[in-house]
Amino acid sequence: MIISTLMDTRSWNQDCGRPSATGGLWDHGAAMRSPDTSRTAAVTTSAAGHTALSPPNHPSREHAVSNSPDRLRLFRRLAVFRRLVPLRIVLIGATGSVLIALGAVGAAGVLNHDPLLAGSGLSWVRFGHGRDLATGLLYLGLGLLVWAWVRLGREVRIERVGTHGVLAAIGGWLLPLMFTPPLFSRDAYSYLAQGNLAAHGIDPYEMGPAALPGPLADNVSWVWQNTPAPYGPLFILVAKTVVMITGQNLILGVLLMRLVMVLGLVLMCWALPGLARHLGGRGDQALWMAAANPLMLVHLVGGPHNDLLMVGLLAAGVLVTLNRRHVWGIVLIMLAAAMKATAVIALPFMVWIWAARLHGSARSRFLRAAGATTAVSLAVFTACTLVAGVDLGWISALQTSSLIVNWLSVPTAVAQIAHLVAGWFVTASLPGFLTVTRLLGFVAFAGVAVWQWWKARHGGPQAVYHATITLFALALLSPATLPWYFSWPLALAAALKWPGSATVAAVCGSVWLLLVTFPSGDTALYSWFYLLGALGVSVLAAVSLVRPDPLRLSSRDRVDRPVGLPPSSD
């Protein structure tokens, strides 16, 4: 716009034989003109004797000021700022996050007895029409957040917003979500109850939250009241420390637990640009795809879920390994596994990366890398176990996740379909089908993992690609799958080079996974009409990434593009 304005006002200076823009950047003589001359219009007399004012030889002071170099520099700086910080998009998403936080007070995983609401006269938002209003407010916020994310994705795709802009959006959208009740889950209360057991000297790998009655245990979902913790020793240490600081105060406990988990998001924001350089992707697009993803922000931060710290440590560990600091990379990945066992899947792939950089025969290089990886891993895990004051009971407790039954898990979905069909002919029980299909799912996953691991034997960034496929297979073929489990492969896959069709599919899947749980934490996977609506919203979001305003609700069909700015190099 600036350049076109200058071109419109450009005239040919007959005295010097070069173009000049009146009052513009090239009109260096404007400052030397007489003030009186610039304000005076020549008086001419026509043949009929009439007098008229002819246009002045020079522009008015107001026109000169409006096109002064200082003003043009300001416009350019504003354009640069817009590129660094997409303010409108940030504000749309931040407004959505605020609405989510307000609606969560009545519609999310609220306390059985909330001392803040009980004493404020606002307890009505948890019941009847008040809860409906809170739920509507929360979903309106989700819509704004998803809209902002898709708009940010369009700007990133055309390289009009870079890494700094995406980070600004993440920060603006994240802040309101730091202060909400648990969103789309009640797992935070389980975390605190398990930390409470450890703080009182009770082994959380042997007993469930119900073993220590009180406010912390009372808010745990009935499904997990008597189940031991399936998490690693580092997580037990974190949960124990949080409870020792906050005591029986559930609100402070959730906030502090969320603050600790957000360290994983910080690690991810640090690691993704570096991973993208190694894996052929773009740092800004990787941050947008993973760290700014509403699935990541609402479920893993809003939850909060310990998966967030796990994937952050995992992404950082993989980057450090690719940067040839193999020991520290293994340390970080093992810390991730000490949070949640899922991360251990990446370790065998890091062996190939390390081995490819050693000298000697292929057998010798592999044995040395595998031996060093095993030694470092055992040292880190032993240290975490000793500091946490627990044993290896979490390994047997991993099977507690099988209590979750939903069709996001492929083996569970097959079992449910088989049970439905068999029920037309004979009387059969679902647990029997689940046992068979989950065993077959384990075998299938083992086959995929071994196959991908062997394909990664040449090391390098390609090994990370195969580790990502393995993590995705684990999320699909686990006995139980929850929407945020797909953050496991996403934390690494976001750094790959994404073709347009794959990006559209990822947006559709992310939005759909965001919506398949109700704000209270109950599953929506069997509310079929709701799921159909969620699918429609997801498809609309995905199409909007590549086709702005697909419903043609706006008459505007233009894109304001800053002029004279090079593509982002962030």
Protein backbone atom coordinates (compact mmCIF):
# COMPACT_ATOMS: atom_id res chain seq x y z
CA MET A 1 0.00 0.00 0.00
CA ILE A 2 2.85 2.38 0.85
CA ILE A 3 4.67 1.79 -2.42
CA SER A 4 1.49 2.13 -4.48
CA THR A 5 0.79 5.50 -2.81
CA LEU A 6 4.26 6.68 -3.70
CA MET A 7 3.84 5.51 -7.29
CA ASP A 8 0.54 7.40 -7.60
CA THR A 9 2.12 10.63 -6.45
CA ARG A 10 5.31 10.20 -8.45
CA SER A 11 6.09 12.97 -10.93
CA TRP A 12 8.99 13.58 -13.28
CA ASN A 13 11.34 16.27 -12.13
CA GLN A 14 12.25 18.14 -15.29
CA ASP A 15 15.06 20.03 -13.62
CA CYS A 16 17.10 17.07 -12.54
CA GLY A 17 15.84 14.35 -14.87
CA ARG A 18 14.98 11.80 -12.15
CA PRO A 19 11.74 10.62 -10.60
CA SER A 20 10.52 12.32 -7.46
CA ALA A 21 7.58 11.55 -5.20
CA THR A 22 5.99 14.77 -4.07
CA GLY A 23 6.28 14.88 -0.34
CA GLY A 24 7.51 11.29 -0.45
CA LEU A 25 10.67 9.37 0.19
CA TRP A 26 12.45 10.61 -2.97
CA ASP A 27 11.51 14.31 -2.66
CA HIS A 28 14.69 15.45 -0.97
CA GLY A 29 14.10 19.09 -1.99
CA ALA A 30 10.79 19.41 -0.17
CA ALA A 31 12.46 20.48 3.03
CA MET A 32 14.29 23.29 1.18
CA ARG A 33 11.19 24.88 -0.35
CA SER A 34 9.87 28.16 1.00
CA PRO A 35 6.98 27.67 3.44
CA ASP A 36 5.15 30.55 1.79
CA THR A 37 5.47 29.02 -1.65
CA SER A 38 4.17 25.64 -0.52
CA ARG A 39 1.00 27.25 0.86
CA THR A 40 0.27 29.71 -1.98
CA ALA A 41 -1.87 28.92 -4.99
CA ALA A 42 -1.28 30.77 -8.27
CA VAL A 43 -4.08 33.03 -9.49
CA THR A 44 -4.86 32.72 -13.21
CA THR A 45 -7.22 34.69 -15.43
CA SER A 46 -9.13 32.98 -18.15
CA ALA A 47 -9.90 34.45 -21.56
CA ALA A 48 -13.39 35.37 -20.36
CA GLY A 49 -11.92 37.40 -17.62
CA HIS A 50 -12.78 35.09 -14.80
CA THR A 51 -10.27 34.41 -12.14
CA ALA A 52 -9.65 30.96 -10.76
CA LEU A 53 -7.31 29.33 -8.37
CA SER A 54 -4.88 27.00 -10.07
CA PRO A 55 -3.49 24.03 -8.15
CA PRO A 56 -0.52 24.91 -6.01
CA ASN A 57 2.90 24.03 -7.31
CA HIS A 58 3.64 22.08 -4.16
CA PRO A 59 1.56 19.97 -1.76
CA SER A 60 -0.01 21.35 1.37
CA ARG A 61 1.75 20.96 4.70
CA GLU A 62 -0.88 18.43 5.76
CA HIS A 63 -0.23 16.32 2.67
CA ALA A 64 3.51 16.54 3.19
CA VAL A 65 3.16 15.45 6.81
CA SER A 66 0.84 12.55 5.90
CA ASN A 67 3.50 11.20 3.51
CA SER A 68 6.56 12.19 5.47
CA PRO A 69 9.45 9.78 5.81
CA ASP A 70 8.77 9.46 9.53
CA ARG A 71 5.19 8.38 8.89
CA LEU A 72 6.24 5.90 6.24
CA ARG A 73 8.84 4.46 8.55
CA LEU A 74 6.13 4.07 11.18
CA PHE A 75 3.94 2.19 8.70
CA ARG A 76 6.78 -0.15 7.85
CA ARG A 77 7.54 -0.76 11.51
CA LEU A 78 3.90 -1.54 12.16
CA ALA A 79 3.99 -3.99 9.25
CA VAL A 80 7.07 -5.66 10.69
CA PHE A 81 5.44 -5.81 14.12
CA ARG A 82 2.36 -7.37 12.57
CA ARG A 83 4.58 -10.02 11.04
CA LEU A 84 6.39 -10.67 14.29
CA VAL A 85 3.22 -10.61 16.41
CA PRO A 86 -0.09 -11.34 14.61
CA LEU A 87 -1.95 -9.24 17.15
CA ARG A 88 -5.49 -9.80 15.89
CA ILE A 89 -5.05 -13.57 15.79
CA VAL A 90 -3.44 -13.59 19.22
CA LEU A 91 -6.34 -11.59 20.65
CA ILE A 92 -8.96 -13.87 19.08
CA GLY A 93 -7.31 -16.95 20.59
CA ALA A 94 -6.74 -15.24 23.93
CA THR A 95 -10.40 -14.26 24.06
CA GLY A 96 -11.28 -17.87 23.41
CA SER A 97 -9.01 -19.02 26.22
CA VAL A 98 -10.61 -16.51 28.61
CA LEU A 99 -14.08 -17.78 27.70
CA ILE A 100 -12.90 -21.37 28.20
CA ALA A 101 -11.56 -20.43 31.64
CA LEU A 102 -14.81 -18.72 32.61
CA GLY A 103 -16.99 -21.56 31.36
CA ALA A 104 -14.78 -24.14 33.05
CA VAL A 105 -15.80 -22.81 36.46
CA GLY A 106 -19.18 -24.46 35.99
CA ALA A 107 -18.73 -27.01 33.20
CA ALA A 108 -15.27 -28.60 33.59
CA GLY A 109 -13.92 -31.13 36.10
CA VAL A 110 -14.96 -29.05 39.10
CA LEU A 111 -14.52 -30.03 42.73
CA ASN A 112 -17.22 -31.92 44.58
CA HIS A 113 -17.19 -29.03 47.04
CA ASP A 114 -15.66 -25.84 45.69
CA PRO A 115 -14.83 -23.46 48.55
CA LEU A 116 -14.54 -20.49 46.18
CA LEU A 117 -17.97 -20.94 44.59
CA ALA A 118 -19.71 -21.97 47.81
CA GLY A 119 -18.81 -18.72 49.52
CA SER A 120 -19.40 -16.38 46.57
CA GLY A 121 -23.01 -16.94 45.60
CA LEU A 122 -21.94 -18.28 42.20
CA SER A 123 -22.61 -21.94 42.89
CA TRP A 124 -25.57 -21.74 40.49
CA VAL A 125 -23.18 -22.03 37.52
CA ARG A 126 -22.66 -25.69 38.38
CA PHE A 127 -26.31 -26.72 38.13
CA GLY A 128 -29.20 -26.62 35.68
CA HIS A 129 -29.35 -23.62 33.39
CA GLY A 130 -26.25 -22.15 34.99
CA ARG A 131 -24.25 -25.19 33.94
CA ASP A 132 -25.75 -25.01 30.45
CA LEU A 133 -24.67 -21.38 30.21
CA ALA A 134 -21.17 -22.25 31.39
CA THR A 135 -20.97 -25.10 28.88
CA GLY A 136 -22.04 -22.82 26.04
CA LEU A 137 -19.47 -20.25 27.07
CA LEU A 138 -16.75 -22.89 27.13
CA TYR A 139 -17.60 -24.21 23.66
CA LEU A 140 -17.74 -20.66 22.30
CA GLY A 141 -14.21 -20.21 23.63
CA LEU A 142 -13.13 -23.45 21.99
CA GLY A 143 -14.52 -22.21 18.69
CA LEU A 144 -12.59 -18.95 18.90
CA LEU A 145 -9.38 -20.76 19.86
CA VAL A 146 -9.69 -23.21 16.96
CA TRP A 147 -10.50 -20.33 14.59
CA ALA A 148 -7.43 -18.41 15.74
CA TRP A 149 -5.26 -21.52 15.37
CA VAL A 150 -6.43 -22.14 11.81
CA ARG A 151 -5.92 -18.47 10.87
CA LEU A 152 -2.45 -18.60 12.37
CA GLY A 153 -1.76 -21.72 10.32
CA ARG A 154 -2.69 -19.89 7.12
CA GLU A 155 -0.30 -17.07 7.97
CA VAL A 156 2.47 -19.54 8.76
CA ARG A 157 1.93 -21.48 5.54
CA ILE A 158 2.46 -18.38 3.38
CA GLU A 159 5.40 -17.36 5.59
CA ARG A 160 3.78 -14.12 6.70
CA VAL A 161 4.15 -15.10 10.36
CA GLY A 162 7.34 -16.70 11.66
CA THR A 163 8.58 -18.37 14.80
CA HIS A 164 8.29 -15.28 16.98
CA GLY A 165 4.67 -14.77 15.97
CA VAL A 166 3.75 -18.37 16.78
CA LEU A 167 5.47 -18.14 20.16
CA ALA A 168 3.57 -14.94 20.91
CA ALA A 169 0.31 -16.71 20.09
CA ILE A 170 1.19 -19.67 22.31
CA GLY A 171 1.93 -17.35 25.21
CA GLY A 172 -1.27 -15.34 24.75
CA TRP A 173 -3.46 -18.42 24.47
CA LEU A 174 -1.75 -20.30 27.27
CA LEU A 175 -1.99 -17.73 30.07
CA PRO A 176 -5.77 -17.89 30.75
CA LEU A 177 -5.69 -21.70 30.67
CA MET A 178 -3.20 -21.75 33.53
CA PHE A 179 -5.92 -20.77 36.01
CA THR A 180 -8.84 -22.99 35.05
CA PRO A 181 -10.29 -26.02 36.84
CA PRO A 182 -9.21 -29.30 35.18
CA LEU A 183 -10.46 -29.31 31.59
CA PHE A 184 -11.88 -32.40 29.83
CA SER A 185 -10.45 -34.69 32.53
CA ARG A 186 -10.25 -35.31 36.27
CA ASP A 187 -6.80 -36.90 36.11
CA ALA A 188 -5.24 -33.99 38.03
CA TYR A 189 -7.10 -35.10 41.15
CA SER A 190 -5.73 -38.62 40.71
CA TYR A 191 -2.21 -37.22 40.42
CA LEU A 192 -2.61 -35.31 43.68
CA ALA A 193 -4.12 -38.31 45.47
CA GLN A 194 -1.23 -40.52 44.34
CA GLY A 195 1.25 -37.90 45.50
CA ASN A 196 -0.63 -37.77 48.80
CA LEU A 197 -0.12 -41.52 49.28
CA ALA A 198 3.61 -41.19 48.65
CA ALA A 199 3.87 -38.17 50.98
CA HIS A 200 2.32 -40.26 53.78
CA GLY A 201 4.62 -43.24 53.23
CA ILE A 202 2.06 -45.40 51.40
CA ASP A 203 3.26 -47.10 48.24
CA PRO A 204 1.15 -45.69 45.34
CA TYR A 205 2.14 -48.75 43.29
CA GLU A 206 0.34 -51.00 45.77
CA MET A 207 -2.67 -48.97 46.88
CA GLY A 208 -5.20 -46.69 45.22
CA PRO A 209 -6.32 -43.22 46.37
CA ALA A 210 -9.13 -44.69 48.47
CA ALA A 211 -6.51 -46.03 50.88
CA LEU A 212 -6.14 -42.50 52.29
CA PRO A 213 -9.60 -40.87 52.53
CA GLY A 214 -9.83 -37.12 52.44
CA PRO A 215 -10.48 -34.21 50.05
CA LEU A 216 -7.84 -35.36 47.57
CA ALA A 217 -9.21 -38.89 47.28
CA ASP A 218 -12.84 -37.77 47.31
CA ASN A 219 -12.47 -35.94 43.98
CA VAL A 220 -10.86 -38.85 42.13
CA SER A 221 -13.07 -40.56 39.57
CA TRP A 222 -14.64 -43.75 40.90
CA VAL A 223 -12.84 -45.74 38.18
CA TRP A 224 -9.43 -44.99 39.71
CA GLN A 225 -10.26 -45.03 43.41
CA ASN A 226 -8.67 -48.44 44.00
CA THR A 227 -6.13 -48.66 41.20
CA PRO A 228 -2.39 -48.15 41.78
CA ALA A 229 -0.44 -45.49 39.90
CA PRO A 230 0.80 -46.60 36.44
CA TYR A 231 3.39 -43.82 36.23
CA GLY A 232 7.15 -43.76 36.62
CA PRO A 233 9.14 -42.77 39.72
CA LEU A 234 9.88 -39.24 38.51
CA PHE A 235 6.19 -38.51 38.28
CA ILE A 236 5.58 -39.87 41.80
CA LEU A 237 8.37 -37.61 43.03
CA VAL A 238 6.76 -34.59 41.31
CA ALA A 239 3.29 -35.38 42.64
CA LYS A 240 4.65 -36.00 46.14
CA THR A 241 6.50 -32.67 46.11
CA VAL A 242 3.40 -30.78 44.92
CA VAL A 243 1.28 -32.25 47.71
CA MET A 244 3.94 -31.53 50.31
CA ILE A 245 3.83 -27.86 49.22
CA THR A 246 0.07 -27.40 48.79
CA GLY A 247 -1.22 -29.88 51.39
CA GLN A 248 -4.92 -30.69 51.06
CA ASN A 249 -5.69 -27.53 49.07
CA LEU A 250 -6.97 -28.94 45.80
CA ILE A 251 -7.09 -25.62 43.94
CA LEU A 252 -3.48 -24.75 44.69
CA GLY A 253 -2.49 -28.35 44.02
CA VAL A 254 -4.01 -28.32 40.52
CA LEU A 255 -2.42 -24.96 39.70
CA LEU A 256 1.03 -26.03 40.86
CA MET A 257 0.75 -29.39 39.09
CA ARG A 258 -0.18 -27.56 35.89
CA LEU A 259 2.75 -25.18 36.30
CA VAL A 260 5.15 -28.12 36.54
CA MET A 261 3.61 -29.84 33.51
CA VAL A 262 3.91 -26.64 31.43
CA LEU A 263 7.67 -27.05 31.63
CA GLY A 264 7.10 -29.73 29.01
CA LEU A 265 5.52 -27.17 26.69
CA VAL A 266 8.50 -24.87 27.23
CA LEU A 267 10.87 -27.70 26.34
CA MET A 268 8.83 -28.47 23.25
CA CYS A 269 8.94 -24.84 22.09
CA TRP A 270 12.70 -24.92 22.53
CA ALA A 271 13.21 -28.25 20.78
CA LEU A 272 10.86 -28.08 17.78
CA PRO A 273 12.74 -25.47 15.69
CA GLY A 274 15.96 -27.44 16.12
CA LEU A 275 14.25 -30.72 15.28
CA ALA A 276 12.80 -29.11 12.16
CA ARG A 277 16.29 -28.15 10.99
CA HIS A 278 17.38 -31.78 11.31
CA LEU A 279 14.22 -33.38 9.92
CA GLY A 280 13.60 -31.11 6.95
CA GLY A 281 10.61 -29.21 8.30
CA ARG A 282 10.05 -25.60 9.25
CA GLY A 283 10.41 -24.37 12.80
CA ASP A 284 7.43 -22.02 12.68
CA GLN A 285 5.18 -24.69 11.19
CA ALA A 286 6.35 -27.25 13.76
CA LEU A 287 5.51 -24.89 16.62
CA TRP A 288 2.12 -24.14 15.11
CA MET A 289 1.32 -27.80 14.48
CA ALA A 290 2.27 -29.08 17.94
CA ALA A 291 2.81 -26.43 20.61
CA ALA A 292 0.02 -24.05 19.49
CA ASN A 293 -2.37 -26.91 18.75
CA PRO A 294 -5.63 -26.57 20.77
CA LEU A 295 -5.40 -30.30 21.50
CA MET A 296 -2.09 -29.64 23.23
CA LEU A 297 -3.15 -26.47 25.01
CA VAL A 298 -6.65 -27.45 26.12
CA HIS A 299 -6.12 -31.13 26.93
CA LEU A 300 -2.51 -31.35 28.07
CA VAL A 301 -2.22 -27.91 29.69
CA GLY A 302 -5.83 -27.50 30.71
CA GLY A 303 -6.09 -31.11 31.87
CA PRO A 304 -3.38 -31.06 33.03
CA HIS A 305 -1.78 -34.34 31.96
CA ASN A 306 1.68 -35.69 32.74
CA ASP A 307 1.99 -36.57 29.04
CA LEU A 308 2.93 -32.92 28.48
CA LEU A 309 6.12 -33.08 30.52
CA MET A 310 6.87 -36.48 29.03
CA VAL A 311 6.65 -35.32 25.39
CA GLY A 312 8.61 -32.16 26.20
CA LEU A 313 11.48 -34.15 27.67
CA LEU A 314 11.25 -36.60 24.77
CA ALA A 315 11.46 -33.89 22.10
CA ALA A 316 14.37 -32.21 23.90
CA GLY A 317 16.19 -35.53 24.28
CA VAL A 318 15.84 -36.39 20.60
CA LEU A 319 17.15 -32.95 19.59
CA VAL A 320 20.13 -33.18 21.92
CA THR A 321 20.92 -36.64 20.52
CA LEU A 322 20.78 -35.36 16.95
CA ASN A 323 23.11 -32.56 18.05
CA ARG A 324 25.72 -35.25 18.90
CA ARG A 325 25.38 -34.91 22.66
CA HIS A 326 24.28 -38.51 22.94
CA VAL A 327 24.66 -39.08 26.67
CA TRP A 328 22.61 -36.03 27.59
CA GLY A 329 20.03 -36.96 24.99
CA ILE A 330 19.64 -40.41 26.55
CA VAL A 331 19.38 -38.80 30.00
CA LEU A 332 16.50 -36.58 28.90
CA ILE A 333 14.64 -39.39 27.16
CA MET A 334 15.04 -41.61 30.21
CA LEU A 335 13.70 -38.82 32.42
CA ALA A 336 10.69 -38.74 30.08
CA ALA A 337 10.28 -42.51 30.53
CA ALA A 338 10.51 -42.03 34.30
CA MET A 339 7.49 -39.75 33.96
CA LYS A 340 5.52 -42.11 31.72
CA ALA A 341 6.80 -45.35 30.23
CA THR A 342 5.73 -44.44 26.69
CA ALA A 343 8.93 -42.49 26.05
CA VAL A 344 11.09 -45.61 26.36
CA ILE A 345 9.97 -46.49 22.82
CA ALA A 346 12.39 -43.87 21.45
CA LEU A 347 15.51 -45.26 23.12
CA PRO A 348 16.27 -48.11 20.68
CA PHE A 349 16.10 -45.64 17.79
CA MET A 350 18.61 -43.35 19.51
CA VAL A 351 21.00 -46.33 19.61
CA TRP A 352 21.08 -46.35 15.81
CA ILE A 353 21.76 -42.60 15.69
CA TRP A 354 24.66 -42.97 18.12
CA ALA A 355 26.05 -46.07 16.40
CA ALA A 356 26.10 -44.40 12.98
CA ARG A 357 28.56 -41.83 14.32
CA LEU A 358 31.06 -44.29 15.77
CA HIS A 359 34.00 -45.94 14.01
CA GLY A 360 34.47 -49.64 13.40
CA SER A 361 32.38 -52.47 12.02
CA ALA A 362 28.58 -52.27 12.07
CA ARG A 363 28.41 -54.92 14.81
CA SER A 364 31.00 -53.18 16.96
CA ARG A 365 29.37 -49.78 16.60
CA PHE A 366 25.94 -51.14 17.51
CA LEU A 367 27.19 -53.03 20.57
CA ARG A 368 29.07 -50.00 21.91
CA ALA A 369 26.15 -47.65 21.37
CA ALA A 370 23.66 -50.11 22.85
CA GLY A 371 25.88 -50.76 25.87
CA ALA A 372 26.37 -47.06 26.55
CA THR A 373 22.65 -46.34 26.13
CA THR A 374 21.73 -49.15 28.53
CA ALA A 375 24.24 -48.00 31.15
CA VAL A 376 23.09 -44.37 31.04
CA SER A 377 19.42 -45.40 31.10
CA LEU A 378 19.85 -47.68 34.10
CA ALA A 379 21.77 -45.02 35.99
CA VAL A 380 19.11 -42.37 35.40
CA PHE A 381 16.19 -44.64 36.21
CA THR A 382 17.85 -45.98 39.35
CA ALA A 383 18.53 -42.44 40.57
CA CYS A 384 14.89 -41.43 40.00
CA THR A 385 13.63 -44.53 41.80
CA LEU A 386 15.89 -44.01 44.82
CA VAL A 387 15.10 -40.32 45.14
CA ALA A 388 11.36 -40.97 44.83
CA GLY A 389 11.57 -43.71 47.46
CA VAL A 390 9.55 -46.23 45.44
CA ASP A 391 10.15 -49.61 43.80
CA LEU A 392 9.36 -51.14 40.41
CA GLY A 393 5.70 -51.73 41.16
CA TRP A 394 4.67 -49.30 38.45
CA ILE A 395 5.55 -51.90 35.80
CA SER A 396 2.81 -54.27 36.93
CA ALA A 397 0.47 -51.29 37.44
CA LEU A 398 0.66 -50.47 33.72
CA GLN A 399 -2.16 -52.93 33.11
CA THR A 400 -4.61 -50.71 35.01
CA SER A 401 -5.12 -48.65 31.85
CA SER A 402 -7.02 -51.63 30.41
CA LEU A 403 -9.98 -50.49 32.52
CA ILE A 404 -10.57 -47.83 29.87
CA VAL A 405 -12.81 -49.16 27.12
CA ASN A 406 -13.41 -46.99 24.07
CA TRP A 407 -13.11 -47.43 20.34
CA LEU A 408 -10.22 -44.98 19.85
CA SER A 409 -8.09 -48.04 20.56
CA VAL A 410 -8.16 -50.21 17.44
CA PRO A 411 -8.10 -53.54 19.37
CA THR A 412 -10.95 -52.33 21.57
CA ALA A 413 -12.94 -51.17 18.54
CA VAL A 414 -12.50 -54.57 16.87
CA ALA A 415 -13.62 -56.30 20.06
CA GLN A 416 -16.74 -54.14 20.32
CA ILE A 417 -17.68 -54.75 16.70
CA ALA A 418 -17.09 -58.50 17.05
CA HIS A 419 -19.14 -58.56 20.24
CA LEU A 420 -21.99 -56.68 18.54
CA VAL A 421 -22.08 -59.05 15.58
CA ALA A 422 -21.76 -62.16 17.76
CA GLY A 423 -24.63 -60.89 19.91
CA TRP A 424 -26.98 -61.34 16.96
CA PHE A 425 -26.46 -65.10 17.13
CA VAL A 426 -25.21 -66.11 20.58
CA THR A 427 -24.83 -64.70 24.06
CA ALA A 428 -21.26 -63.51 24.52
CA SER A 429 -19.40 -61.26 26.94
CA LEU A 430 -17.27 -58.30 25.86
CA PRO A 431 -14.28 -59.06 28.19
CA GLY A 432 -13.55 -62.27 26.31
CA PHE A 433 -13.35 -60.45 23.00
CA LEU A 434 -11.21 -57.71 24.57
CA THR A 435 -8.69 -60.25 25.82
CA VAL A 436 -8.22 -61.72 22.36
CA THR A 437 -8.14 -58.48 20.36
CA ARG A 438 -5.84 -56.70 22.79
CA LEU A 439 -3.42 -59.62 22.64
CA LEU A 440 -3.51 -59.44 18.85
CA GLY A 441 -3.00 -55.68 19.10
CA PHE A 442 0.10 -56.21 21.22
CA VAL A 443 1.49 -58.66 18.67
CA ALA A 444 0.74 -56.25 15.84
CA PHE A 445 2.45 -53.40 17.67
CA ALA A 446 5.50 -55.53 18.41
CA GLY A 447 5.75 -56.36 14.71
CA VAL A 448 5.47 -52.72 13.68
CA ALA A 449 8.03 -51.63 16.29
CA VAL A 450 10.62 -54.21 15.27
CA TRP A 451 10.09 -53.48 11.59
CA GLN A 452 10.45 -49.70 12.07
CA TRP A 453 13.46 -50.16 14.32
CA TRP A 454 15.24 -52.27 11.73
CA LYS A 455 14.47 -49.75 8.97
CA ALA A 456 16.14 -47.10 11.15
CA ARG A 457 19.45 -49.00 11.32
CA HIS A 458 21.30 -46.43 9.21
CA GLY A 459 20.75 -43.81 11.91
CA GLY A 460 20.49 -40.10 11.28
CA PRO A 461 17.26 -38.10 11.17
CA GLN A 462 15.54 -40.99 9.41
CA ALA A 463 15.61 -42.89 12.69
CA VAL A 464 13.45 -40.17 14.26
CA TYR A 465 10.91 -40.60 11.47
CA HIS A 466 10.62 -44.31 12.21
CA ALA A 467 10.39 -43.64 15.96
CA THR A 468 7.47 -41.30 15.21
CA ILE A 469 5.65 -44.01 13.26
CA THR A 470 6.18 -46.41 16.16
CA LEU A 471 4.73 -43.94 18.66
CA PHE A 472 1.71 -43.45 16.42
CA ALA A 473 1.23 -47.21 16.20
CA LEU A 474 1.44 -47.41 19.99
CA ALA A 475 -1.30 -44.79 20.37
CA LEU A 476 -3.55 -46.71 17.97
CA LEU A 477 -2.84 -50.27 19.15
CA SER A 478 -2.68 -49.74 22.92
CA PRO A 479 -5.31 -51.59 24.97
CA ALA A 480 -6.69 -48.16 25.86
CA THR A 481 -6.39 -44.90 23.94
CA LEU A 482 -7.36 -41.40 25.01
CA PRO A 483 -7.42 -38.31 22.73
CA TRP A 484 -4.27 -36.74 24.13
CA TYR A 485 -2.25 -39.91 23.51
CA PHE A 486 -1.79 -38.70 19.95
CA SER A 487 0.42 -35.93 21.33
CA TRP A 488 3.12 -38.63 21.65
CA PRO A 489 3.90 -38.88 17.92
CA LEU A 490 2.84 -35.27 17.24
CA ALA A 491 5.67 -33.89 19.39
CA LEU A 492 8.18 -35.32 16.89
CA ALA A 493 6.13 -35.50 13.70
CA ALA A 494 5.48 -31.75 13.73
CA ALA A 495 9.15 -31.17 12.85
CA LEU A 496 8.93 -33.23 9.65
CA LYS A 497 8.23 -31.77 6.22
CA TRP A 498 4.45 -31.75 5.87
CA PRO A 499 2.73 -31.79 2.46
CA GLY A 500 -0.45 -29.74 2.22
CA SER A 501 -2.85 -32.69 2.29
CA ALA A 502 -1.22 -34.14 5.40
CA THR A 503 -1.44 -30.77 7.15
CA VAL A 504 -5.15 -30.53 6.37
CA ALA A 505 -5.69 -34.06 7.70
CA ALA A 506 -3.75 -33.24 10.88
CA VAL A 507 -5.93 -30.17 11.50
CA CYS A 508 -9.08 -32.24 11.03
CA GLY A 509 -7.83 -34.96 13.37
CA SER A 510 -6.62 -32.51 16.02
CA VAL A 511 -9.93 -30.64 16.20
CA TRP A 512 -11.93 -33.85 16.27
CA LEU A 513 -9.80 -35.32 19.06
CA LEU A 514 -10.20 -32.06 20.96
CA LEU A 515 -13.99 -32.46 20.90
CA VAL A 516 -14.53 -36.18 21.58
CA THR A 517 -14.45 -35.67 25.34
CA PHE A 518 -16.96 -33.58 27.26
CA PRO A 519 -15.60 -30.72 29.40
CA SER A 520 -16.37 -32.64 32.59
CA GLY A 521 -14.05 -35.45 31.51
CA ASP A 522 -16.74 -37.91 30.41
CA THR A 523 -16.25 -39.52 27.03
CA ALA A 524 -18.34 -38.38 24.06
CA LEU A 525 -17.32 -41.33 21.89
CA TYR A 526 -20.75 -42.93 22.15
CA SER A 527 -22.82 -39.79 21.63
CA TRP A 528 -23.21 -40.33 17.91
CA PHE A 529 -25.08 -37.16 16.93
CA TYR A 530 -22.61 -35.09 18.91
CA LEU A 531 -19.73 -36.87 17.17
CA LEU A 532 -21.29 -36.14 13.78
CA GLY A 533 -21.40 -32.45 14.66
CA ALA A 534 -17.82 -32.60 15.91
CA LEU A 535 -16.75 -34.17 12.63
CA GLY A 536 -18.46 -31.40 10.68
CA VAL A 537 -16.68 -28.73 12.71
CA SER A 538 -13.36 -30.54 12.23
CA VAL A 539 -13.77 -30.76 8.46
CA LEU A 540 -14.72 -27.08 8.32
CA ALA A 541 -11.59 -26.16 10.29
CA ALA A 542 -9.40 -28.28 8.03
CA VAL A 543 -10.85 -26.83 4.81
CA SER A 544 -10.53 -23.31 6.22
CA LEU A 545 -6.78 -23.80 6.44
CA VAL A 546 -6.44 -23.83 2.66
CA ARG A 547 -9.65 -22.07 1.63
CA PRO A 548 -10.45 -19.00 3.74
CA ASP A 549 -14.17 -18.54 4.38
CA PRO A 550 -15.30 -21.85 2.81
CA LEU A 551 -18.92 -21.06 3.76
CA ARG A 552 -18.68 -17.68 1.95
CA LEU A 553 -19.94 -15.79 4.98
CA SER A 554 -17.81 -12.75 4.19
CA SER A 555 -17.95 -10.58 1.09
CA ARG A 556 -14.28 -9.79 1.36
CA ASP A 557 -12.00 -11.96 -0.74
CA ARG A 558 -8.68 -10.29 -0.31
CA VAL A 559 -5.55 -10.75 1.77
CA ASP A 560 -3.77 -7.78 3.26
CA ARG A 561 -0.13 -8.46 2.68
CA PRO A 562 2.65 -6.30 4.09
CA VAL A 563 4.61 -4.74 1.25
CA GLY A 564 8.35 -4.83 0.87
CA LEU A 565 8.95 -7.52 3.48
CA PRO A 566 10.97 -10.64 2.70
CA PRO A 567 9.66 -14.09 3.68
CA SER A 568 10.26 -15.13 7.24
CA SER A 569 13.62 -16.68 7.99
CA ASP A 570 12.78 -17.61 11.58
